[in-house]
Amino acid sequence: MAGITKTVRNIDNHALEIIEEHALKEDVTANQLIRELIEAYAQRLERIDASKKLDADIDELIAANNNLIQAHNDNTLVFGELAKKIISRLDFYLPPLADDIEQIQNNVRPQEKNLPKSINFDEFD
């Protein structure tokens, strides 16, 4: 490991004593303990920066998804209104089929009433 020396000024003696005591309990040197703490803090800062970038990307994805859902809802409303119009026009131009089927059958042209149910093509030879 490449050694870089940094001088840290104005550290409280009490804080250094606590670090020394903890290092003795952990069976490491105070220097090693301080180095591990600094490295852990640097990693934490990196994770915080990365999470800020990810949070912005996630917020954009959520906004895009919300826009997609809103567009889908709008399209559903438009199709519903279109279906209502089509049904109302059909009701206007076509007689209600369920009311009187006999009346519709009576309106068939006379020549269509007497058509055979099946045609034998062998007769036309």
N, C-alpha and C. Protein backbone atom coordinates (compact mmCIF):
# COMPACT_ATOMS: atom_id res chain seq x y z
N MET A 1 0.86 -1.17 0.00
CA MET A 1 0.00 0.00 0.00
C MET A 1 0.91 1.23 0.00
N ALA A 2 0.60 2.17 -0.86
CA ALA A 2 1.38 3.40 -0.91
C ALA A 2 1.06 4.24 0.30
N GLY A 3 2.08 4.73 0.94
CA GLY A 3 1.86 5.52 2.14
C GLY A 3 1.84 7.00 1.84
N ILE A 4 0.77 7.63 2.24
CA ILE A 4 0.64 9.08 2.11
C ILE A 4 0.50 9.61 3.52
N THR A 5 1.30 10.59 3.83
CA THR A 5 1.28 11.15 5.17
C THR A 5 0.50 12.47 5.15
N LYS A 6 -0.46 12.55 6.06
CA LYS A 6 -1.22 13.78 6.24
C LYS A 6 -1.09 14.20 7.69
N THR A 7 -0.97 15.47 7.91
CA THR A 7 -0.90 15.98 9.27
C THR A 7 -2.28 16.52 9.63
N VAL A 8 -2.80 16.04 10.75
CA VAL A 8 -4.10 16.50 11.22
C VAL A 8 -3.84 17.37 12.44
N ARG A 9 -4.27 18.60 12.33
CA ARG A 9 -4.03 19.56 13.41
C ARG A 9 -5.27 19.72 14.28
N ASN A 10 -5.05 20.20 15.47
CA ASN A 10 -6.12 20.59 16.40
C ASN A 10 -7.05 19.44 16.79
N ILE A 11 -6.49 18.25 16.95
CA ILE A 11 -7.28 17.14 17.45
C ILE A 11 -7.23 17.18 18.97
N ASP A 12 -8.36 17.00 19.58
CA ASP A 12 -8.48 17.00 21.04
C ASP A 12 -7.71 15.82 21.62
N ASN A 13 -6.94 16.07 22.70
CA ASN A 13 -6.18 15.00 23.35
C ASN A 13 -7.10 13.90 23.87
N HIS A 14 -8.23 14.27 24.38
CA HIS A 14 -9.18 13.29 24.90
C HIS A 14 -9.63 12.33 23.78
N ALA A 15 -9.89 12.87 22.58
CA ALA A 15 -10.29 12.04 21.44
C ALA A 15 -9.18 11.07 21.07
N LEU A 16 -7.93 11.55 21.09
CA LEU A 16 -6.80 10.67 20.77
C LEU A 16 -6.64 9.57 21.81
N GLU A 17 -6.88 9.89 23.07
CA GLU A 17 -6.78 8.88 24.13
C GLU A 17 -7.84 7.79 23.94
N ILE A 18 -9.07 8.21 23.55
CA ILE A 18 -10.14 7.24 23.30
C ILE A 18 -9.77 6.33 22.14
N ILE A 19 -9.19 6.90 21.09
CA ILE A 19 -8.77 6.11 19.93
C ILE A 19 -7.67 5.12 20.33
N GLU A 20 -6.71 5.58 21.13
CA GLU A 20 -5.63 4.70 21.60
C GLU A 20 -6.20 3.55 22.43
N GLU A 21 -7.11 3.83 23.35
CA GLU A 21 -7.71 2.79 24.19
C GLU A 21 -8.48 1.77 23.34
N HIS A 22 -9.25 2.27 22.39
CA HIS A 22 -10.03 1.38 21.53
C HIS A 22 -9.11 0.53 20.65
N ALA A 23 -8.02 1.12 20.17
CA ALA A 23 -7.06 0.37 19.35
C ALA A 23 -6.43 -0.76 20.16
N LEU A 24 -6.13 -0.49 21.45
CA LEU A 24 -5.58 -1.55 22.30
C LEU A 24 -6.58 -2.68 22.49
N LYS A 25 -7.86 -2.33 22.67
CA LYS A 25 -8.90 -3.36 22.83
C LYS A 25 -9.06 -4.20 21.56
N GLU A 26 -8.92 -3.56 20.42
CA GLU A 26 -9.09 -4.24 19.13
C GLU A 26 -7.79 -4.92 18.67
N ASP A 27 -6.73 -4.72 19.40
CA ASP A 27 -5.41 -5.29 19.09
C ASP A 27 -4.88 -4.80 17.74
N VAL A 28 -5.05 -3.50 17.51
CA VAL A 28 -4.50 -2.84 16.32
C VAL A 28 -3.81 -1.56 16.79
N THR A 29 -3.04 -0.97 15.89
CA THR A 29 -2.40 0.29 16.24
C THR A 29 -3.40 1.43 16.06
N ALA A 30 -3.14 2.52 16.74
CA ALA A 30 -4.01 3.70 16.61
C ALA A 30 -3.97 4.21 15.17
N ASN A 31 -2.82 4.14 14.55
CA ASN A 31 -2.68 4.59 13.17
C ASN A 31 -3.56 3.74 12.25
N GLN A 32 -3.55 2.43 12.46
CA GLN A 32 -4.36 1.53 11.65
C GLN A 32 -5.86 1.80 11.86
N LEU A 33 -6.23 2.02 13.10
CA LEU A 33 -7.63 2.30 13.41
C LEU A 33 -8.09 3.60 12.76
N ILE A 34 -7.27 4.63 12.85
CA ILE A 34 -7.62 5.93 12.23
C ILE A 34 -7.72 5.78 10.71
N ARG A 35 -6.78 5.02 10.12
CA ARG A 35 -6.80 4.81 8.66
C ARG A 35 -8.10 4.10 8.25
N GLU A 36 -8.50 3.06 8.99
CA GLU A 36 -9.73 2.33 8.67
C GLU A 36 -10.96 3.23 8.80
N LEU A 37 -10.96 4.09 9.83
CA LEU A 37 -12.08 5.02 10.01
C LEU A 37 -12.17 6.01 8.85
N ILE A 38 -11.02 6.51 8.44
CA ILE A 38 -11.01 7.48 7.32
C ILE A 38 -11.46 6.80 6.03
N GLU A 39 -10.97 5.57 5.78
CA GLU A 39 -11.38 4.85 4.57
C GLU A 39 -12.88 4.53 4.59
N ALA A 40 -13.39 4.13 5.75
CA ALA A 40 -14.82 3.84 5.87
C ALA A 40 -15.64 5.10 5.62
N TYR A 41 -15.17 6.23 6.14
CA TYR A 41 -15.87 7.49 5.94
C TYR A 41 -15.84 7.89 4.46
N ALA A 42 -14.70 7.67 3.79
CA ALA A 42 -14.60 8.00 2.36
C ALA A 42 -15.57 7.14 1.54
N GLN A 43 -15.67 5.87 1.88
CA GLN A 43 -16.62 4.99 1.18
C GLN A 43 -18.05 5.44 1.42
N ARG A 44 -18.33 5.85 2.62
CA ARG A 44 -19.68 6.34 2.94
C ARG A 44 -20.00 7.58 2.11
N LEU A 45 -19.03 8.48 1.98
CA LEU A 45 -19.25 9.67 1.15
C LEU A 45 -19.50 9.29 -0.31
N GLU A 46 -18.77 8.31 -0.82
CA GLU A 46 -18.98 7.86 -2.19
C GLU A 46 -20.39 7.29 -2.37
N ARG A 47 -20.85 6.50 -1.41
CA ARG A 47 -22.19 5.93 -1.49
C ARG A 47 -23.25 7.02 -1.44
N ILE A 48 -23.03 8.02 -0.63
CA ILE A 48 -23.99 9.13 -0.54
C ILE A 48 -24.08 9.85 -1.88
N ASP A 49 -22.92 10.12 -2.51
CA ASP A 49 -22.92 10.78 -3.82
C ASP A 49 -23.60 9.92 -4.88
N ALA A 50 -23.31 8.61 -4.86
CA ALA A 50 -23.92 7.71 -5.83
C ALA A 50 -25.43 7.64 -5.63
N SER A 51 -25.87 7.61 -4.37
CA SER A 51 -27.31 7.52 -4.12
C SER A 51 -28.03 8.79 -4.56
N LYS A 52 -27.36 9.94 -4.47
CA LYS A 52 -27.98 11.18 -4.94
C LYS A 52 -28.22 11.11 -6.45
N LYS A 53 -27.24 10.57 -7.19
CA LYS A 53 -27.39 10.44 -8.64
C LYS A 53 -28.49 9.43 -8.96
N LEU A 54 -28.51 8.32 -8.24
CA LEU A 54 -29.53 7.31 -8.48
C LEU A 54 -30.92 7.83 -8.12
N ASP A 55 -31.01 8.59 -7.05
CA ASP A 55 -32.30 9.15 -6.66
C ASP A 55 -32.87 10.04 -7.75
N ALA A 56 -31.99 10.84 -8.38
CA ALA A 56 -32.45 11.71 -9.47
C ALA A 56 -32.94 10.88 -10.64
N ASP A 57 -32.21 9.80 -10.98
CA ASP A 57 -32.63 8.93 -12.08
C ASP A 57 -33.94 8.23 -11.75
N ILE A 58 -34.08 7.77 -10.53
CA ILE A 58 -35.32 7.09 -10.12
C ILE A 58 -36.49 8.07 -10.15
N ASP A 59 -36.26 9.30 -9.72
CA ASP A 59 -37.32 10.31 -9.77
C ASP A 59 -37.77 10.55 -11.21
N GLU A 60 -36.82 10.57 -12.16
CA GLU A 60 -37.18 10.75 -13.57
C GLU A 60 -37.99 9.57 -14.08
N LEU A 61 -37.60 8.35 -13.68
CA LEU A 61 -38.35 7.16 -14.09
C LEU A 61 -39.77 7.18 -13.53
N ILE A 62 -39.92 7.59 -12.29
CA ILE A 62 -41.24 7.66 -11.67
C ILE A 62 -42.10 8.69 -12.40
N ALA A 63 -41.52 9.83 -12.72
CA ALA A 63 -42.27 10.87 -13.45
C ALA A 63 -42.70 10.36 -14.83
N ALA A 64 -41.79 9.68 -15.53
CA ALA A 64 -42.13 9.14 -16.85
C ALA A 64 -43.22 8.08 -16.74
N ASN A 65 -43.15 7.24 -15.73
CA ASN A 65 -44.18 6.22 -15.52
C ASN A 65 -45.53 6.87 -15.20
N ASN A 66 -45.53 7.92 -14.39
CA ASN A 66 -46.77 8.63 -14.08
C ASN A 66 -47.37 9.25 -15.34
N ASN A 67 -46.51 9.79 -16.22
CA ASN A 67 -47.00 10.36 -17.48
C ASN A 67 -47.63 9.27 -18.35
N LEU A 68 -47.00 8.11 -18.38
CA LEU A 68 -47.51 6.99 -19.17
C LEU A 68 -48.87 6.54 -18.64
N ILE A 69 -49.00 6.45 -17.34
CA ILE A 69 -50.28 6.04 -16.73
C ILE A 69 -51.36 7.07 -17.04
N GLN A 70 -51.02 8.35 -16.95
CA GLN A 70 -52.00 9.40 -17.25
C GLN A 70 -52.44 9.34 -18.70
N ALA A 71 -51.51 9.11 -19.62
CA ALA A 71 -51.85 8.99 -21.04
C ALA A 71 -52.75 7.78 -21.27
N HIS A 72 -52.46 6.68 -20.60
CA HIS A 72 -53.28 5.48 -20.72
C HIS A 72 -54.70 5.75 -20.21
N ASN A 73 -54.81 6.41 -19.09
CA ASN A 73 -56.13 6.75 -18.54
C ASN A 73 -56.90 7.67 -19.48
N ASP A 74 -56.20 8.66 -20.06
CA ASP A 74 -56.86 9.57 -21.01
C ASP A 74 -57.36 8.80 -22.23
N ASN A 75 -56.52 7.88 -22.74
CA ASN A 75 -56.93 7.09 -23.91
C ASN A 75 -58.13 6.22 -23.59
N THR A 76 -58.16 5.66 -22.39
CA THR A 76 -59.29 4.83 -21.99
C THR A 76 -60.58 5.66 -21.97
N LEU A 77 -60.50 6.87 -21.46
CA LEU A 77 -61.68 7.74 -21.45
C LEU A 77 -62.13 8.08 -22.87
N VAL A 78 -61.19 8.35 -23.75
CA VAL A 78 -61.53 8.70 -25.13
C VAL A 78 -62.20 7.52 -25.82
N PHE A 79 -61.63 6.31 -25.63
CA PHE A 79 -62.24 5.14 -26.25
C PHE A 79 -63.64 4.86 -25.68
N GLY A 80 -63.82 5.09 -24.42
CA GLY A 80 -65.14 4.92 -23.82
C GLY A 80 -66.15 5.87 -24.42
N GLU A 81 -65.77 7.14 -24.58
CA GLU A 81 -66.67 8.12 -25.18
C GLU A 81 -66.96 7.77 -26.64
N LEU A 82 -65.94 7.29 -27.35
CA LEU A 82 -66.13 6.89 -28.74
C LEU A 82 -67.09 5.71 -28.84
N ALA A 83 -66.95 4.75 -27.95
CA ALA A 83 -67.86 3.59 -27.94
C ALA A 83 -69.29 4.05 -27.66
N LYS A 84 -69.47 4.99 -26.74
CA LYS A 84 -70.82 5.51 -26.45
C LYS A 84 -71.43 6.16 -27.69
N LYS A 85 -70.63 6.92 -28.43
CA LYS A 85 -71.14 7.59 -29.64
C LYS A 85 -71.53 6.57 -30.69
N ILE A 86 -70.66 5.55 -30.86
CA ILE A 86 -70.96 4.53 -31.87
C ILE A 86 -72.26 3.81 -31.51
N ILE A 87 -72.43 3.46 -30.25
CA ILE A 87 -73.63 2.76 -29.82
C ILE A 87 -74.87 3.65 -29.99
N SER A 88 -74.75 4.93 -29.67
CA SER A 88 -75.91 5.82 -29.84
C SER A 88 -76.27 5.98 -31.32
N ARG A 89 -75.27 6.03 -32.18
CA ARG A 89 -75.55 6.13 -33.63
C ARG A 89 -76.20 4.84 -34.14
N LEU A 90 -75.71 3.68 -33.66
CA LEU A 90 -76.32 2.42 -34.07
C LEU A 90 -77.77 2.35 -33.62
N ASP A 91 -78.03 2.79 -32.41
CA ASP A 91 -79.41 2.79 -31.91
C ASP A 91 -80.29 3.72 -32.74
N PHE A 92 -79.71 4.81 -33.23
CA PHE A 92 -80.48 5.78 -34.01
C PHE A 92 -80.79 5.22 -35.40
N TYR A 93 -79.77 4.62 -36.07
CA TYR A 93 -79.94 4.19 -37.45
C TYR A 93 -80.50 2.78 -37.59
N LEU A 94 -80.33 1.93 -36.60
CA LEU A 94 -80.86 0.57 -36.67
C LEU A 94 -82.00 0.42 -35.69
N PRO A 95 -83.03 -0.32 -36.05
CA PRO A 95 -84.10 -0.53 -35.09
C PRO A 95 -83.60 -1.41 -33.96
N PRO A 96 -84.17 -1.26 -32.82
CA PRO A 96 -83.74 -2.12 -31.71
C PRO A 96 -84.04 -3.57 -32.04
N LEU A 97 -83.03 -4.40 -32.09
CA LEU A 97 -83.17 -5.78 -32.52
C LEU A 97 -83.90 -6.63 -31.50
N ALA A 98 -83.75 -6.35 -30.27
CA ALA A 98 -84.35 -7.19 -29.24
C ALA A 98 -85.85 -6.96 -29.11
N ASP A 99 -86.35 -5.81 -29.57
CA ASP A 99 -87.77 -5.50 -29.37
C ASP A 99 -88.68 -6.37 -30.21
N ASP A 100 -88.44 -6.46 -31.51
CA ASP A 100 -89.40 -7.17 -32.35
C ASP A 100 -88.65 -7.84 -33.50
N ILE A 101 -88.23 -9.07 -33.29
CA ILE A 101 -87.49 -9.78 -34.33
C ILE A 101 -88.42 -10.14 -35.47
N GLU A 102 -89.69 -10.42 -35.19
CA GLU A 102 -90.64 -10.76 -36.25
C GLU A 102 -90.81 -9.62 -37.22
N GLN A 103 -90.83 -8.42 -36.71
CA GLN A 103 -90.99 -7.25 -37.57
C GLN A 103 -89.81 -7.15 -38.54
N ILE A 104 -88.64 -7.44 -38.07
CA ILE A 104 -87.46 -7.39 -38.93
C ILE A 104 -87.56 -8.48 -39.99
N GLN A 105 -88.00 -9.68 -39.58
CA GLN A 105 -88.14 -10.76 -40.55
C GLN A 105 -89.22 -10.45 -41.58
N ASN A 106 -90.26 -9.75 -41.19
CA ASN A 106 -91.31 -9.38 -42.15
C ASN A 106 -90.84 -8.31 -43.12
N ASN A 107 -89.85 -7.56 -42.78
CA ASN A 107 -89.33 -6.51 -43.66
C ASN A 107 -88.38 -7.07 -44.71
N VAL A 108 -88.08 -8.37 -44.68
CA VAL A 108 -87.21 -8.98 -45.68
C VAL A 108 -87.94 -8.98 -47.01
N ARG A 109 -87.21 -8.73 -48.07
CA ARG A 109 -87.84 -8.71 -49.40
C ARG A 109 -88.48 -10.07 -49.71
N PRO A 110 -89.60 -10.07 -50.38
CA PRO A 110 -90.34 -11.32 -50.63
C PRO A 110 -89.50 -12.38 -51.33
N GLN A 111 -88.67 -12.02 -52.31
CA GLN A 111 -87.89 -13.01 -53.02
C GLN A 111 -86.87 -13.69 -52.11
N GLU A 112 -86.46 -13.02 -51.01
CA GLU A 112 -85.50 -13.62 -50.09
C GLU A 112 -86.18 -14.56 -49.11
N LYS A 113 -87.49 -14.44 -48.94
CA LYS A 113 -88.21 -15.29 -47.99
C LYS A 113 -88.26 -16.74 -48.47
N ASN A 114 -88.31 -16.95 -49.79
CA ASN A 114 -88.52 -18.28 -50.33
C ASN A 114 -87.22 -18.92 -50.81
N LEU A 115 -86.10 -18.41 -50.43
CA LEU A 115 -84.84 -19.02 -50.84
C LEU A 115 -84.68 -20.38 -50.19
N PRO A 116 -84.13 -21.35 -50.91
CA PRO A 116 -83.91 -22.66 -50.29
C PRO A 116 -82.83 -22.56 -49.22
N LYS A 117 -82.95 -23.41 -48.23
CA LYS A 117 -81.98 -23.38 -47.13
C LYS A 117 -80.64 -23.89 -47.57
N SER A 118 -80.60 -24.86 -48.51
CA SER A 118 -79.33 -25.34 -49.05
C SER A 118 -79.47 -25.48 -50.55
N ILE A 119 -78.40 -25.33 -51.22
CA ILE A 119 -78.40 -25.39 -52.68
C ILE A 119 -77.64 -26.64 -53.08
N ASN A 120 -78.26 -27.44 -53.95
CA ASN A 120 -77.60 -28.62 -54.46
C ASN A 120 -76.98 -28.24 -55.80
N PHE A 121 -75.69 -28.20 -55.86
CA PHE A 121 -74.99 -27.77 -57.08
C PHE A 121 -74.98 -28.86 -58.16
N ASP A 122 -75.35 -30.08 -57.80
CA ASP A 122 -75.40 -31.15 -58.79
C ASP A 122 -76.55 -30.92 -59.79
N GLU A 123 -77.56 -30.19 -59.38
CA GLU A 123 -78.70 -29.92 -60.25
C GLU A 123 -78.34 -29.04 -61.44
N PHE A 124 -77.25 -28.32 -61.36
CA PHE A 124 -76.92 -27.32 -62.40
C PHE A 124 -76.01 -27.90 -63.47
N ASP A 125 -75.85 -29.19 -63.58
CA ASP A 125 -74.96 -29.77 -64.62
C ASP A 125 -75.49 -29.62 -65.97
